[in-house]
Amino acid sequence: MIYRVLIIEDDLAYKPLWADILRRHLGGHVAEICWAVSAEEARVQYERSVASGQFFDFIITDVFLAGSDTGLDFVENLFADDQEAPPIILISSVDKEEVEDIVDTVSRRIEILSKPINAGQFKEVMNRITEHRKAI
């Protein structure tokens, strides 16, 4: 399976790192990685993907982003507009339980990873997401 991924991260230094991590964990099956530095930019990219029929298979977003909205704002707005939105991986420097108190992770296919990212936990999350996508 080939994957389209949207990464929302305002620190561009992570760009090559994320590309390497995804290729390693997806076995070279990444077709396209789209990058947004703010929630606003991500919304535009998401809307374009839906309009073109080239949907994202999953989205990775940092909680704290450039601009006025956070990654949490992006997720809340996304699910308010699109109940069939793809799985989300939220990356946070705050405690996972604090984020879970804010976001309904179960019904929305949201995974939360704390920084620094643990390779084993990331692999488990990717396995759940790729199994979900294969089942569709």
Protein backbone atom coordinates (compact mmCIF):
# COMPACT_ATOMS: atom_id res chain seq x y z
CA MET A 1 0.00 0.00 0.00
CA ILE A 2 1.16 3.52 -0.82
CA TYR A 3 0.56 6.26 1.77
CA ARG A 4 -0.10 10.00 1.57
CA VAL A 5 0.80 11.76 4.80
CA LEU A 6 0.25 15.31 6.04
CA ILE A 7 2.77 16.46 8.65
CA ILE A 8 2.02 19.64 10.57
CA GLU A 9 5.19 20.88 12.26
CA ASP A 10 6.54 24.40 12.48
CA ASP A 11 10.16 23.35 12.98
CA LEU A 12 11.43 22.58 9.46
CA ALA A 13 14.53 20.94 10.91
CA TYR A 14 12.30 17.89 11.53
CA LYS A 15 11.43 17.50 7.84
CA PRO A 16 14.23 15.05 6.87
CA LEU A 17 13.84 13.23 10.19
CA TRP A 18 10.13 12.60 9.63
CA ALA A 19 10.76 11.47 6.05
CA ASP A 20 13.33 8.96 7.30
CA ILE A 21 11.14 7.72 10.16
CA LEU A 22 8.13 7.20 7.90
CA ARG A 23 10.08 5.42 5.18
CA ARG A 24 11.67 3.16 7.79
CA HIS A 25 8.36 2.31 9.50
CA LEU A 26 6.32 1.99 6.31
CA GLY A 27 8.89 -0.04 4.44
CA GLY A 28 9.38 2.51 1.68
CA HIS A 29 5.64 2.69 0.93
CA VAL A 30 5.30 6.46 1.44
CA ALA A 31 4.07 8.05 -1.77
CA GLU A 32 3.92 11.65 -0.68
CA ILE A 33 4.65 13.64 2.44
CA CYS A 34 2.97 17.05 2.52
CA TRP A 35 4.23 19.59 5.03
CA ALA A 36 2.40 22.44 6.77
CA VAL A 37 3.87 24.77 9.38
CA SER A 38 0.56 25.98 10.84
CA ALA A 39 -2.96 24.73 11.45
CA GLU A 40 -4.22 27.27 8.94
CA GLU A 41 -1.90 26.00 6.20
CA ALA A 42 -2.81 22.40 7.07
CA ARG A 43 -6.53 23.15 6.69
CA VAL A 44 -5.89 24.48 3.18
CA GLN A 45 -3.89 21.39 2.23
CA TYR A 46 -6.51 19.07 3.71
CA GLU A 47 -9.34 20.80 1.84
CA ARG A 48 -7.36 20.55 -1.43
CA SER A 49 -6.76 16.85 -0.86
CA VAL A 50 -10.45 16.21 -0.33
CA ALA A 51 -11.45 18.33 -3.35
CA SER A 52 -8.98 16.48 -5.58
CA GLY A 53 -9.88 13.04 -4.26
CA GLN A 54 -6.26 12.47 -3.19
CA PHE A 55 -6.97 11.83 0.47
CA PHE A 56 -4.40 11.66 3.24
CA ASP A 57 -4.03 8.24 4.82
CA PHE A 58 -3.04 9.80 8.14
CA ILE A 59 -1.95 13.09 9.64
CA ILE A 60 0.87 13.79 12.10
CA THR A 61 0.66 17.07 13.98
CA ASP A 62 2.61 18.74 16.72
CA VAL A 63 0.40 20.24 19.40
CA PHE A 64 2.18 23.60 19.48
CA LEU A 65 2.45 25.29 16.08
CA ALA A 66 3.22 28.63 14.49
CA GLY A 67 0.19 30.86 14.07
CA SER A 68 -2.83 31.40 16.25
CA ASP A 69 -4.18 27.83 16.23
CA THR A 70 -2.65 24.74 17.80
CA GLY A 71 -2.56 21.18 16.54
CA LEU A 72 -5.46 20.50 18.93
CA ASP A 73 -7.47 23.28 17.26
CA PHE A 74 -6.74 21.72 13.87
CA VAL A 75 -7.94 18.31 15.05
CA GLU A 76 -11.10 19.68 16.64
CA ASN A 77 -11.99 21.67 13.52
CA LEU A 78 -11.16 18.75 11.25
CA PHE A 79 -13.49 16.35 13.04
CA ALA A 80 -16.20 18.99 13.34
CA ASP A 81 -16.18 19.28 9.54
CA ASP A 82 -15.33 15.70 8.53
CA GLN A 83 -16.36 12.74 10.71
CA GLU A 84 -14.51 10.44 8.29
CA ALA A 85 -11.19 12.25 8.70
CA PRO A 86 -8.08 10.06 8.60
CA PRO A 87 -6.28 8.85 11.72
CA ILE A 88 -4.26 11.49 13.55
CA ILE A 89 -1.00 11.23 15.46
CA LEU A 90 -0.64 14.10 17.95
CA ILE A 91 2.93 14.79 19.03
CA SER A 92 3.15 16.62 22.33
CA SER A 93 5.75 17.90 24.74
CA VAL A 94 3.10 17.89 27.49
CA ASP A 95 1.92 14.83 29.35
CA LYS A 96 -0.18 12.40 27.27
CA GLU A 97 -2.93 12.32 29.93
CA GLU A 98 -3.32 16.10 29.73
CA VAL A 99 -3.90 15.88 25.98
CA GLU A 100 -6.33 12.97 26.42
CA ASP A 101 -8.38 15.13 28.79
CA ILE A 102 -8.85 17.64 25.97
CA VAL A 103 -9.29 15.39 22.92
CA ASP A 104 -11.69 12.48 22.39
CA THR A 105 -9.09 10.00 21.15
CA VAL A 106 -11.17 6.83 21.06
CA SER A 107 -13.98 7.73 18.68
CA ARG A 108 -11.76 9.84 16.48
CA ARG A 109 -8.84 7.50 15.75
CA ILE A 110 -6.34 9.80 17.43
CA GLU A 111 -3.04 8.54 18.79
CA ILE A 112 -0.92 10.63 21.15
CA LEU A 113 2.85 10.38 21.43
CA SER A 114 4.95 12.35 23.89
CA LYS A 115 8.27 13.92 23.03
CA PRO A 116 10.85 12.59 22.83
CA ILE A 117 9.25 9.97 20.61
CA ASN A 118 9.92 6.40 21.68
CA ALA A 119 10.68 4.21 18.63
CA GLY A 120 8.77 1.24 20.04
CA GLN A 121 5.67 3.29 20.78
CA PHE A 122 5.81 4.92 17.35
CA LYS A 123 6.00 1.49 15.73
CA GLU A 124 2.92 0.32 17.68
CA VAL A 125 0.99 3.42 16.60
CA MET A 126 2.02 2.96 12.98
CA ASN A 127 0.96 -0.70 13.11
CA ARG A 128 -2.51 0.27 14.37
CA ILE A 129 -2.87 2.97 11.71
CA THR A 130 -1.70 0.82 8.83
CA GLU A 131 -3.98 -2.05 9.93
CA HIS A 132 -6.88 0.40 10.07
CA ARG A 133 -6.11 1.67 6.56
CA LYS A 134 -5.82 -1.88 5.17
CA ALA A 135 -9.23 -2.73 6.64
CA ILE A 136 -10.94 0.10 4.74
